PDB file of N, CA and C in Angstrom:
ATOM      1  N   MET A   1     257.360 173.628 113.875  1.00  0.00           N
ATOM      2  CA  MET A   1     258.049 172.421 113.504  1.00  0.00           C
ATOM      3  C   MET A   1     257.258 171.255 114.062  1.00  0.00           C
ATOM      4  N   SER A   2     257.043 170.293 113.226  1.00  0.00           N
ATOM      5  CA  SER A   2     256.263 169.140 113.657  1.00  0.00           C
ATOM      6  C   SER A   2     257.154 168.124 114.356  1.00  0.00           C
ATOM      7  N   GLY A   3     256.561 167.137 114.925  1.00  0.00           N
ATOM      8  CA  GLY A   3     257.295 166.103 115.642  1.00  0.00           C
ATOM      9  C   GLY A   3     258.208 165.330 114.700  1.00  0.00           C
ATOM     10  N   ILE A   4     257.745 165.105 113.462  1.00  0.00           N
ATOM     11  CA  ILE A   4     258.545 164.365 112.484  1.00  0.00           C
ATOM     12  C   ILE A   4     259.772 165.192 112.099  1.00  0.00           C
ATOM     13  N   ASP A   5     259.538 166.503 111.912  1.00  0.00           N
ATOM     14  CA  ASP A   5     260.660 167.390 111.590  1.00  0.00           C
ATOM     15  C   ASP A   5     261.674 167.413 112.731  1.00  0.00           C
ATOM     16  N   ALA A   6     261.181 167.410 113.948  1.00  0.00           N
ATOM     17  CA  ALA A   6     262.071 167.434 115.106  1.00  0.00           C
ATOM     18  C   ALA A   6     262.894 166.155 115.171  1.00  0.00           C
ATOM     19  N   VAL A   7     262.254 165.007 114.921  1.00  0.00           N
ATOM     20  CA  VAL A   7     262.955 163.719 114.947  1.00  0.00           C
ATOM     21  C   VAL A   7     263.987 163.685 113.820  1.00  0.00           C
ATOM     22  N   ARG A   8     263.586 164.166 112.619  1.00  0.00           N
ATOM     23  CA  ARG A   8     264.496 164.213 111.486  1.00  0.00           C
ATOM     24  C   ARG A   8     265.711 165.084 111.818  1.00  0.00           C
ATOM     25  N   LYS A   9     265.449 166.195 112.450  1.00  0.00           N
ATOM     26  CA  LYS A   9     266.533 167.126 112.836  1.00  0.00           C
ATOM     27  C   LYS A   9     267.462 166.463 113.856  1.00  0.00           C
ATOM     28  N   ILE A  10     266.889 165.734 114.810  1.00  0.00           N
ATOM     29  CA  ILE A  10     267.693 165.047 115.819  1.00  0.00           C
ATOM     30  C   ILE A  10     268.555 163.968 115.153  1.00  0.00           C
ATOM     31  N   VAL A  11     267.965 163.189 114.246  1.00  0.00           N
ATOM     32  CA  VAL A  11     268.698 162.132 113.549  1.00  0.00           C
ATOM     33  C   VAL A  11     269.815 162.752 112.711  1.00  0.00           C
ATOM     34  N   GLU A  12     269.490 163.854 112.038  1.00  0.00           N
ATOM     35  CA  GLU A  12     270.487 164.549 111.229  1.00  0.00           C
ATOM     36  C   GLU A  12     271.633 165.077 112.093  1.00  0.00           C
ATOM     37  N   THR A  13     271.294 165.638 113.236  1.00  0.00           N
ATOM     38  CA  THR A  13     272.297 166.171 114.158  1.00  0.00           C
ATOM     39  C   THR A  13     273.157 165.041 114.717  1.00  0.00           C
ATOM     40  N   GLU A  14     272.547 163.920 115.074  1.00  0.00           N
ATOM     41  CA  GLU A  14     273.303 162.770 115.560  1.00  0.00           C
ATOM     42  C   GLU A  14     274.258 162.253 114.481  1.00  0.00           C
ATOM     43  N   GLY A  15     273.815 162.229 113.240  1.00  0.00           N
ATOM     44  CA  GLY A  15     274.658 161.791 112.128  1.00  0.00           C
ATOM     45  C   GLY A  15     275.860 162.720 111.964  1.00  0.00           C
ATOM     46  N   GLN A  16     275.587 164.026 112.055  1.00  0.00           N
ATOM     47  CA  GLN A  16     276.682 164.995 111.967  1.00  0.00           C
ATOM     48  C   GLN A  16     277.660 164.809 113.136  1.00  0.00           C
ATOM     49  N   ALA A  17     277.094 164.562 114.316  1.00  0.00           N
ATOM     50  CA  ALA A  17     277.940 164.362 115.491  1.00  0.00           C
ATOM     51  C   ALA A  17     278.821 163.126 115.314  1.00  0.00           C
ATOM     52  N   ARG A  18     278.233 162.023 114.760  1.00  0.00           N
ATOM     53  CA  ARG A  18     279.027 160.811 114.516  1.00  0.00           C
ATOM     54  C   ARG A  18     280.138 161.073 113.509  1.00  0.00           C
ATOM     55  N   ARG A  19     279.849 161.814 112.433  1.00  0.00           N
ATOM     56  CA  ARG A  19     280.874 162.142 111.435  1.00  0.00           C
ATOM     57  C   ARG A  19     281.983 162.993 112.060  1.00  0.00           C
ATOM     58  N   ILE A  20     281.574 163.958 112.871  1.00  0.00           N
ATOM     59  CA  ILE A  20     282.568 164.817 113.531  1.00  0.00           C
ATOM     60  C   ILE A  20     283.462 163.981 114.447  1.00  0.00           C
ATOM     61  N   ILE A  21     282.858 163.060 115.197  1.00  0.00           N
ATOM     62  CA  ILE A  21     283.616 162.191 116.101  1.00  0.00           C
ATOM     63  C   ILE A  21     284.542 161.276 115.304  1.00  0.00           C
ATOM     64  N   ASP A  22     284.027 160.691 114.218  1.00  0.00           N
ATOM     65  CA  ASP A  22     284.853 159.819 113.375  1.00  0.00           C
ATOM     66  C   ASP A  22     286.024 160.591 112.768  1.00  0.00           C
ATOM     67  N   GLU A  23     285.757 161.796 112.278  1.00  0.00           N
ATOM     68  CA  GLU A  23     286.827 162.625 111.713  1.00  0.00           C
ATOM     69  C   GLU A  23     287.857 162.989 112.781  1.00  0.00           C
ATOM     70  N   ALA A  24     287.352 163.264 113.995  1.00  0.00           N
ATOM     71  CA  ALA A  24     288.261 163.597 115.094  1.00  0.00           C
ATOM     72  C   ALA A  24     289.131 162.390 115.447  1.00  0.00           C
ATOM     73  N   LYS A  25     288.543 161.191 115.430  1.00  0.00           N
ATOM     74  CA  LYS A  25     289.310 159.971 115.713  1.00  0.00           C
ATOM     75  C   LYS A  25     290.397 159.768 114.659  1.00  0.00           C
ATOM     76  N   VAL A  26     290.020 159.927 113.388  1.00  0.00           N
ATOM     77  CA  VAL A  26     290.998 159.762 112.306  1.00  0.00           C
ATOM     78  C   VAL A  26     292.101 160.795 112.447  1.00  0.00           C
ATOM     79  N   ARG A  27     291.722 162.026 112.703  1.00  0.00           N
ATOM     80  CA  ARG A  27     292.717 163.101 112.826  1.00  0.00           C
ATOM     81  C   ARG A  27     293.627 162.857 114.031  1.00  0.00           C
ATOM     82  N   SER A  28     293.045 162.404 115.143  1.00  0.00           N
ATOM     83  CA  SER A  28     293.877 162.144 116.327  1.00  0.00           C
ATOM     84  C   SER A  28     294.845 161.003 116.054  1.00  0.00           C
ATOM     85  N   GLN A  29     294.408 159.980 115.306  1.00  0.00           N
ATOM     86  CA  GLN A  29     295.307 158.880 114.943  1.00  0.00           C
ATOM     87  C   GLN A  29     296.438 159.383 114.035  1.00  0.00           C
ATOM     88  N   GLN A  30     296.097 160.288 113.119  1.00  0.00           N
ATOM     89  CA  GLN A  30     297.119 160.871 112.245  1.00  0.00           C
ATOM     90  C   GLN A  30     298.142 161.659 113.073  1.00  0.00           C
ATOM     91  N   ILE A  31     297.650 162.425 114.024  1.00  0.00           N
ATOM     92  CA  ILE A  31     298.544 163.230 114.873  1.00  0.00           C
ATOM     93  C   ILE A  31     299.441 162.321 115.700  1.00  0.00           C
ATOM     94  N   ILE A  32     298.858 161.267 116.264  1.00  0.00           N
ATOM     95  CA  ILE A  32     299.637 160.328 117.063  1.00  0.00           C
ATOM     96  C   ILE A  32     300.692 159.650 116.192  1.00  0.00           C
ATOM     97  N   SER A  33     300.317 159.232 115.005  1.00  0.00           N
ATOM     98  CA  SER A  33     301.257 158.579 114.098  1.00  0.00           C
ATOM     99  C   SER A  33     302.380 159.533 113.705  1.00  0.00           C
ATOM    100  N   GLN A  34     302.022 160.761 113.383  1.00  0.00           N
ATOM    101  CA  GLN A  34     303.028 161.752 112.999  1.00  0.00           C
ATOM    102  C   GLN A  34     303.962 162.052 114.173  1.00  0.00           C
ATOM    103  N   ALA A  35     303.397 162.189 115.368  1.00  0.00           N
ATOM    104  CA  ALA A  35     304.217 162.456 116.555  1.00  0.00           C
ATOM    105  C   ALA A  35     305.159 161.282 116.818  1.00  0.00           C
ATOM    106  N   SER A  36     304.669 160.080 116.615  1.00  0.00           N
ATOM    107  CA  SER A  36     305.494 158.895 116.818  1.00  0.00           C
ATOM    108  C   SER A  36     306.644 158.867 115.799  1.00  0.00           C
ATOM    109  N   GLN A  37     306.335 159.186 114.554  1.00  0.00           N
ATOM    110  CA  GLN A  37     307.377 159.224 113.522  1.00  0.00           C
ATOM    111  C   GLN A  37     308.418 160.294 113.837  1.00  0.00           C
ATOM    112  N   GLU A  38     307.952 161.455 114.254  1.00  0.00           N
ATOM    113  CA  GLU A  38     308.873 162.533 114.601  1.00  0.00           C
ATOM    114  C   GLU A  38     309.740 162.156 115.798  1.00  0.00           C
ATOM    115  N   ALA A  39     309.139 161.510 116.788  1.00  0.00           N
ATOM    116  CA  ALA A  39     309.897 161.074 117.960  1.00  0.00           C
ATOM    117  C   ALA A  39     310.963 160.060 117.561  1.00  0.00           C
ATOM    118  N   GLU A  40     310.609 159.133 116.674  1.00  0.00           N
ATOM    119  CA  GLU A  40     311.569 158.126 116.206  1.00  0.00           C
ATOM    120  C   GLU A  40     312.700 158.798 115.418  1.00  0.00           C
ATOM    121  N   MET A  41     312.336 159.775 114.596  1.00  0.00           N
ATOM    122  CA  MET A  41     313.350 160.487 113.824  1.00  0.00           C
ATOM    123  C   MET A  41     314.302 161.235 114.767  1.00  0.00           C
ATOM    124  N   LEU A  42     313.744 161.882 115.788  1.00  0.00           N
ATOM    125  CA  LEU A  42     314.584 162.593 116.753  1.00  0.00           C
ATOM    126  C   LEU A  42     315.470 161.624 117.530  1.00  0.00           C
ATOM    127  N   ARG A  43     314.928 160.470 117.857  1.00  0.00           N
ATOM    128  CA  ARG A  43     315.707 159.446 118.564  1.00  0.00           C
ATOM    129  C   ARG A  43     316.874 158.979 117.691  1.00  0.00           C
ATOM    130  N   GLN A  44     316.586 158.737 116.412  1.00  0.00           N
ATOM    131  CA  GLN A  44     317.634 158.303 115.490  1.00  0.00           C
ATOM    132  C   GLN A  44     318.702 159.389 115.331  1.00  0.00           C
ATOM    133  N   GLU A  45     318.268 160.644 115.244  1.00  0.00           N
ATOM    134  CA  GLU A  45     319.222 161.748 115.136  1.00  0.00           C
ATOM    135  C   GLU A  45     320.090 161.840 116.389  1.00  0.00           C
ATOM    136  N   ALA A  46     319.467 161.660 117.553  1.00  0.00           N
ATOM    137  CA  ALA A  46     320.217 161.712 118.812  1.00  0.00           C
ATOM    138  C   ALA A  46     321.228 160.565 118.874  1.00  0.00           C
ATOM    139  N   LEU A  47     320.813 159.368 118.467  1.00  0.00           N
ATOM    140  CA  LEU A  47     321.720 158.224 118.453  1.00  0.00           C
ATOM    141  C   LEU A  47     322.874 158.457 117.478  1.00  0.00           C
ATOM    142  N   SER A  48     322.551 158.979 116.316  1.00  0.00           N
ATOM    143  CA  SER A  48     323.582 159.257 115.319  1.00  0.00           C
ATOM    144  C   SER A  48     324.560 160.301 115.838  1.00  0.00           C
ATOM    145  N   SER A  49     324.029 161.329 116.455  1.00  0.00           N
ATOM    146  CA  SER A  49     324.882 162.382 117.003  1.00  0.00           C
ATOM    147  C   SER A  49     325.776 161.829 118.113  1.00  0.00           C
ATOM    148  N   ALA A  50     325.204 161.014 118.980  1.00  0.00           N
ATOM    149  CA  ALA A  50     325.977 160.412 120.071  1.00  0.00           C
ATOM    150  C   ALA A  50     327.065 159.493 119.514  1.00  0.00           C
ATOM    151  N   GLN A  51     326.749 158.744 118.468  1.00  0.00           N
ATOM    152  CA  GLN A  51     327.733 157.854 117.850  1.00  0.00           C
ATOM    153  C   GLN A  51     328.870 158.668 117.244  1.00  0.00           C
ATOM    154  N   LYS A  52     328.532 159.756 116.554  1.00  0.00           N
ATOM    155  CA  LYS A  52     329.569 160.612 115.963  1.00  0.00           C
ATOM    156  C   LYS A  52     330.442 161.221 117.052  1.00  0.00           C
ATOM    157  N   GLN A  53     329.812 161.655 118.138  1.00  0.00           N
ATOM    158  CA  GLN A  53     330.566 162.241 119.252  1.00  0.00           C
ATOM    159  C   GLN A  53     331.497 161.194 119.864  1.00  0.00           C
ATOM    160  N   ARG A  54     330.997 159.988 120.014  1.00  0.00           N
ATOM    161  CA  ARG A  54     331.802 158.883 120.563  1.00  0.00           C
ATOM    162  C   ARG A  54     333.005 158.614 119.664  1.00  0.00           C
ATOM    163  N   GLU A  55     332.747 158.550 118.351  1.00  0.00           N
ATOM    164  CA  GLU A  55     333.833 158.303 117.405  1.00  0.00           C
ATOM    165  C   GLU A  55     334.861 159.431 117.443  1.00  0.00           C
ATOM    166  N   LYS A  56     334.390 160.653 117.567  1.00  0.00           N
ATOM    167  CA  LYS A  56     335.299 161.804 117.636  1.00  0.00           C
ATOM    168  C   LYS A  56     336.171 161.722 118.887  1.00  0.00           C
ATOM    169  N   ILE A  57     335.544 161.403 120.023  1.00  0.00           N
ATOM    170  CA  ILE A  57     336.292 161.300 121.286  1.00  0.00           C
ATOM    171  C   ILE A  57     337.330 160.186 121.189  1.00  0.00           C
ATOM    172  N   LEU A  58     336.919 159.041 120.639  1.00  0.00           N
ATOM    173  CA  LEU A  58     337.858 157.915 120.503  1.00  0.00           C
ATOM    174  C   LEU A  58     338.994 158.267 119.546  1.00  0.00           C
ATOM    175  N   ARG A  59     338.672 158.930 118.429  1.00  0.00           N
ATOM    176  CA  ARG A  59     339.705 159.322 117.471  1.00  0.00           C
ATOM    177  C   ARG A  59     340.693 160.293 118.115  1.00  0.00           C
ATOM    178  N   MET A  60     340.164 161.274 118.859  1.00  0.00           N
ATOM    179  CA  MET A  60     341.035 162.244 119.515  1.00  0.00           C
ATOM    180  C   MET A  60     341.911 161.572 120.569  1.00  0.00           C
ATOM    181  N   ALA A  61     341.335 160.640 121.323  1.00  0.00           N
ATOM    182  CA  ALA A  61     342.109 159.925 122.342  1.00  0.00           C
ATOM    183  C   ALA A  61     343.215 159.095 121.685  1.00  0.00           C
ATOM    184  N   LYS A  62     342.880 158.456 120.570  1.00  0.00           N
ATOM    185  CA  LYS A  62     343.880 157.650 119.857  1.00  0.00           C
ATOM    186  C   LYS A  62     344.993 158.542 119.326  1.00  0.00           C
ATOM    187  N   GLU A  63     344.611 159.679 118.729  1.00  0.00           N
ATOM    188  CA  GLU A  63     345.622 160.597 118.198  1.00  0.00           C
ATOM    189  C   GLU A  63     346.520 161.125 119.308  1.00  0.00           C
ATOM    190  N   LYS A  64     345.924 161.434 120.453  1.00  0.00           N
ATOM    191  CA  LYS A  64     346.707 161.935 121.581  1.00  0.00           C
ATOM    192  C   LYS A  64     347.668 160.855 122.082  1.00  0.00           C
ATOM    193  N   ALA A  65     347.164 159.639 122.207  1.00  0.00           N
ATOM    194  CA  ALA A  65     348.008 158.530 122.676  1.00  0.00           C
ATOM    195  C   ALA A  65     349.155 158.275 121.700  1.00  0.00           C
ATOM    196  N   GLU A  66     348.850 158.338 120.404  1.00  0.00           N
ATOM    197  CA  GLU A  66     349.906 158.123 119.405  1.00  0.00           C
ATOM    198  C   GLU A  66     350.944 159.238 119.467  1.00  0.00           C
ATOM    199  N   ALA A  67     350.475 160.476 119.640  1.00  0.00           N
ATOM    200  CA  ALA A  67     351.408 161.609 119.739  1.00  0.00           C
ATOM    201  C   ALA A  67     352.289 161.463 120.979  1.00  0.00           C
ATOM    202  N   GLU A  68     351.675 161.067 122.099  1.00  0.00           N
ATOM    203  CA  GLU A  68     352.445 160.864 123.326  1.00  0.00           C
ATOM    204  C   GLU A  68     353.455 159.726 123.157  1.00  0.00           C
ATOM    205  N   ALA A  69     353.051 158.680 122.451  1.00  0.00           N
ATOM    206  CA  ALA A  69     353.962 157.555 122.212  1.00  0.00           C
ATOM    207  C   ALA A  69     355.136 158.000 121.335  1.00  0.00           C
ATOM    208  N   ARG A  70     354.852 158.804 120.300  1.00  0.00           N
ATOM    209  CA  ARG A  70     355.938 159.303 119.453  1.00  0.00           C
ATOM    210  C   ARG A  70     356.882 160.184 120.264  1.00  0.00           C
ATOM    211  N   GLN A  71     356.312 161.041 121.112  1.00  0.00           N
ATOM    212  CA  GLN A  71     357.139 161.919 121.953  1.00  0.00           C
ATOM    213  C   GLN A  71     357.988 161.086 122.905  1.00  0.00           C
ATOM    214  N   SER A  72     357.394 160.048 123.460  1.00  0.00           N
ATOM    215  CA  SER A  72     358.134 159.160 124.357  1.00  0.00           C
ATOM    216  C   SER A  72     359.271 158.474 123.611  1.00  0.00           C
ATOM    217  N   ASP A  73     359.013 158.054 122.369  1.00  0.00           N
ATOM    218  CA  ASP A  73     360.062 157.431 121.551  1.00  0.00           C
ATOM    219  C   ASP A  73     361.210 158.409 121.326  1.00  0.00           C
ATOM    220  N   VAL A  74     360.877 159.657 121.002  1.00  0.00           N
ATOM    221  CA  VAL A  74     361.906 160.682 120.770  1.00  0.00           C
ATOM    222  C   VAL A  74     362.722 160.897 122.045  1.00  0.00           C
ATOM    223  N   GLU A  75     362.032 161.019 123.179  1.00  0.00           N
ATOM    224  CA  GLU A  75     362.732 161.224 124.452  1.00  0.00           C
ATOM    225  C   GLU A  75     363.618 160.027 124.796  1.00  0.00           C
ATOM    226  N   THR A  76     363.116 158.825 124.546  1.00  0.00           N
ATOM    227  CA  THR A  76     363.886 157.612 124.826  1.00  0.00           C
ATOM    228  C   THR A  76     365.129 157.556 123.943  1.00  0.00           C
ATOM    229  N   GLU A  77     364.959 157.864 122.664  1.00  0.00           N
ATOM    230  CA  GLU A  77     366.109 157.894 121.756  1.00  0.00           C
ATOM    231  C   GLU A  77     367.152 158.905 122.231  1.00  0.00           C
ATOM    232  N   GLN A  78     366.687 160.066 122.674  1.00  0.00           N
ATOM    233  CA  GLN A  78     367.616 161.095 123.163  1.00  0.00           C
ATOM    234  C   GLN A  78     368.352 160.606 124.406  1.00  0.00           C
ATOM    235  N   LEU A  79     367.627 159.961 125.315  1.00  0.00           N
ATOM    236  CA  LEU A  79     368.274 159.406 126.510  1.00  0.00           C
ATOM    237  C   LEU A  79     369.320 158.352 126.126  1.00  0.00           C
ATOM    238  N   LEU A  80     368.984 157.488 125.176  1.00  0.00           N
ATOM    239  CA  LEU A  80     369.932 156.461 124.742  1.00  0.00           C
ATOM    240  C   LEU A  80     371.180 157.094 124.138  1.00  0.00           C
ATOM    241  N   LYS A  81     370.997 158.128 123.327  1.00  0.00           N
ATOM    242  CA  LYS A  81     372.158 158.821 122.751  1.00  0.00           C
ATOM    243  C   LYS A  81     373.020 159.421 123.856  1.00  0.00           C
ATOM    244  N   ASN A  82     372.365 160.045 124.827  1.00  0.00           N
ATOM    245  CA  ASN A  82     373.110 160.646 125.944  1.00  0.00           C
ATOM    246  C   ASN A  82     373.871 159.583 126.729  1.00  0.00           C
ATOM    247  N   TYR A  83     373.226 158.438 126.996  1.00  0.00           N
ATOM    248  CA  TYR A  83     373.894 157.360 127.731  1.00  0.00           C
ATOM    249  C   TYR A  83     375.069 156.802 126.918  1.00  0.00           C
ATOM    250  N   ARG A  84     374.867 156.670 125.592  1.00  0.00           N
ATOM    251  CA  ARG A  84     375.966 156.192 124.738  1.00  0.00           C
ATOM    252  C   ARG A  84     377.148 157.159 124.789  1.00  0.00           C
ATOM    253  N   LYS A  85     376.848 158.454 124.660  1.00  0.00           N
ATOM    254  CA  LYS A  85     377.923 159.459 124.705  1.00  0.00           C
ATOM    255  C   LYS A  85     378.638 159.409 126.049  1.00  0.00           C
ATOM    256  N   LEU A  86     377.871 159.299 127.135  1.00  0.00           N
ATOM    257  CA  LEU A  86     378.454 159.224 128.467  1.00  0.00           C
ATOM    258  C   LEU A  86     379.311 157.968 128.607  1.00  0.00           C
ATOM    259  N   ALA A  87     378.787 156.831 128.126  1.00  0.00           N
ATOM    260  CA  ALA A  87     379.553 155.570 128.194  1.00  0.00           C
ATOM    261  C   ALA A  87     380.823 155.668 127.367  1.00  0.00           C
ATOM    262  N   GLU A  88     380.713 156.252 126.173  1.00  0.00           N
ATOM    263  CA  GLU A  88     381.898 156.408 125.328  1.00  0.00           C
ATOM    264  C   GLU A  88     382.919 157.336 125.990  1.00  0.00           C
ATOM    265  N   ALA A  89     382.436 158.424 126.601  1.00  0.00           N
ATOM    266  CA  ALA A  89     383.348 159.356 127.280  1.00  0.00           C
ATOM    267  C   ALA A  89     384.034 158.655 128.450  1.00  0.00           C
ATOM    268  N   ARG A  90     383.293 157.865 129.216  1.00  0.00           N
ATOM    269  CA  ARG A  90     383.889 157.143 130.343  1.00  0.00           C
ATOM    270  C   ARG A  90     384.879 156.088 129.858  1.00  0.00           C
ATOM    271  N   ARG A  91     384.517 155.424 128.770  1.00  0.00           N
ATOM    272  CA  ARG A  91     385.419 154.419 128.199  1.00  0.00           C
ATOM    273  C   ARG A  91     386.714 155.079 127.731  1.00  0.00           C
ATOM    274  N   ASP A  92     386.555 156.201 127.007  1.00  0.00           N
ATOM    275  CA  ASP A  92     387.741 156.918 126.535  1.00  0.00           C
ATOM    276  C   ASP A  92     388.594 157.387 127.709  1.00  0.00           C
ATOM    277  N   ASP A  93     387.930 157.860 128.747  1.00  0.00           N
ATOM    278  CA  ASP A  93     388.646 158.316 129.946  1.00  0.00           C
ATOM    279  C   ASP A  93     389.374 157.144 130.609  1.00  0.00           C
ATOM    280  N   ALA A  94     388.680 155.988 130.692  1.00  0.00           N
ATOM    281  CA  ALA A  94     389.288 154.803 131.295  1.00  0.00           C
ATOM    282  C   ALA A  94     390.468 154.322 130.461  1.00  0.00           C
ATOM    283  N   VAL A  95     390.337 154.347 129.151  1.00  0.00           N
ATOM    284  CA  VAL A  95     391.441 153.921 128.272  1.00  0.00           C
ATOM    285  C   VAL A  95     392.617 154.866 128.452  1.00  0.00           C
ATOM    286  N   SER A  96     392.326 156.162 128.496  1.00  0.00           N
ATOM    287  CA  SER A  96     393.404 157.145 128.682  1.00  0.00           C
ATOM    288  C   SER A  96     394.124 156.911 130.003  1.00  0.00           C
ATOM    289  N   LYS A  97     393.382 156.691 131.074  1.00  0.00           N
ATOM    290  CA  LYS A  97     393.987 156.453 132.383  1.00  0.00           C
ATOM    291  C   LYS A  97     394.785 155.150 132.397  1.00  0.00           C
ATOM    292  N   ALA A  98     394.250 154.134 131.740  1.00  0.00           N
ATOM    293  CA  ALA A  98     394.960 152.863 131.651  1.00  0.00           C
ATOM    294  C   ALA A  98     396.267 153.018 130.890  1.00  0.00           C
ATOM    295  N   LEU A  99     396.231 153.775 129.795  1.00  0.00           N
ATOM    296  CA  LEU A  99     397.445 154.020 129.025  1.00  0.00           C
ATOM    297  C   LEU A  99     398.470 154.805 129.847  1.00  0.00           C
ATOM    298  N   GLU A 100     397.977 155.761 130.590  1.00  0.00           N
ATOM    299  CA  GLU A 100     398.865 156.541 131.450  1.00  0.00           C
ATOM    300  C   GLU A 100     399.567 155.652 132.469  1.00  0.00           C
ATOM    301  N   LEU A 101     398.764 154.758 133.081  1.00  0.00           N
ATOM    302  CA  LEU A 101     399.332 153.865 134.067  1.00  0.00           C
ATOM    303  C   LEU A 101     400.367 152.912 133.449  1.00  0.00           C
ATOM    304  N   VAL A 102     400.025 152.409 132.242  1.00  0.00           N
ATOM    305  CA  VAL A 102     400.922 151.467 131.589  1.00  0.00           C
ATOM    306  C   VAL A 102     402.195 152.194 131.150  1.00  0.00           C
ATOM    307  N   LEU A 103     402.038 153.368 130.578  1.00  0.00           N
ATOM    308  CA  LEU A 103     403.199 154.090 130.065  1.00  0.00           C
ATOM    309  C   LEU A 103     404.045 154.716 131.172  1.00  0.00           C
ATOM    310  N   SER A 104     403.416 155.061 132.265  1.00  0.00           N
ATOM    311  CA  SER A 104     404.180 155.686 133.355  1.00  0.00           C
ATOM    312  C   SER A 104     404.706 154.642 134.330  1.00  0.00           C
ATOM    313  N   GLY A 105     404.324 153.481 134.226  1.00  0.00           N
ATOM    314  CA  GLY A 105     404.638 152.496 135.221  1.00  0.00           C
ATOM    315  C   GLY A 105     405.748 151.628 134.949  1.00  0.00           C
TER     316      GLY A 105
END
């Protein structure tokens, strides 16, 4: 191999090396871009999932509070009925005793 052939071979090899490096740079940029897109997609999915979970927890808490409020209303109504019955029974008893006193006196 002559000196010119050797220089030509070196120049050719350097050119191939530059192309390989350029292709590697492009490919690495593609990988970085794809990884960034995937990371953003995963972040969005995580945010969406967290939002859905938050909404579910809030909905369940609201439903529980409403159920407890309805139960409290039912219990309160029952207490009021019981107090009314007790008041009516005491009133009837008082009227009966008053009549007894008036009629026996």
